[in-house]
Amino acid sequence: MANLKEIRSRITSVGSTMQITSAMKMVSAAKLKRAQDAITQMRPYSEKLQEILRNLSATLDLSENAFSDQREVKNVLILAVASNRGLCGGFNNNIIKRVNVLLNEEYANKNTKIICFGKKVTDAFRRSELRIKNDVVGVEDIFGALTFENAAEIAQNVMDMFLAKQVDEVVIVYNSFVNAGFQLVKTEQLLPIIPTVSEIGDGVADYSFEPSKEEIVAELIPKSLKIQFFKSLLDSAASEHGARMTAMHKATDNASELKRSLTLSYNKARQAAITNEILEIVGGAEALNN
């Protein structure tokens, strides 16, 4: 059994760790509330706009909507969204694993490039020739200032790459926020836009354009793609805080349990030491009497 000094030192160390994890849990809980409100408000708007976008794309020909150009897929761009920090369970590793699956299976025979968002996924592919440096898209650290303007700048650069036929398909991999304890890794195709096909027939929603179809298309489609990308970033941010809060909650519980176990061991060792001292005193007294 370890001596009393070593056990006391471990109890102090575990107590300090428990204070840190508890504080990190509370910080993540506060950030989660803001991030959850942001994604909850954004989702209905983004989903409805995406629905309109797909219906609209089905009514246009290629000359009117270049973003629906379904060409042979030779060059693929993967947008991998993770985080800048760890201590959030499998949040970052799940993204890295999904990207590796895409590289090794679905896009194994394609010319694939990756744009990394977040230091953890950037570090994972730092030595890879597939990684495109973030300065190519104009924003070094998107999570340092997560605003629609910054996200729109990145999305515009990606759309320009698609229009210039540098890439034939763009997919985004991110964690979708379900609740604080569960995040779902999603792979969504950003470009080209997949038009909606009616289950009943070839008919799709019939739109009346005002002021004109050309002006609406020129404004709506790029905006909806930017919003879809921004929604994915908000989803990932909320998922990160939820994952970190859950991880720190478990870490705090584990530290508390370990502290109780160490305290019990300390009390047992202390009691044993006291008993030994009493026995030595009694033995010494008996020896003097004899």
Foldseek 3Di string as FASTA:
>chain_A
DDALVVLVVVLVVLVVVLVVLVVLLVVLVVLLVVLVVVLVVLVVVLVVLLQVVQLLVLVDDCVLPVQQDQDDFAEEEEEQEAAADDLQPCRNVVSLVVVVCCCVPVCVRHRYAYEYAYPSSCVVCVVPPRYDQPVQLPDNHCVVPVDLVSLLSSLVSVVVCCSVVVGNWYWYWAWACDDLADTDIDIGTLTSRNHDADPVHRDGDDDDDPPDSNVCSVPSPSVSSSSVRSSRNSRRSSNRSSSNSVSSVVSSVVSVVVSVVSVVVSVVSVVVVVVVVVVVVVVVVVVVVD
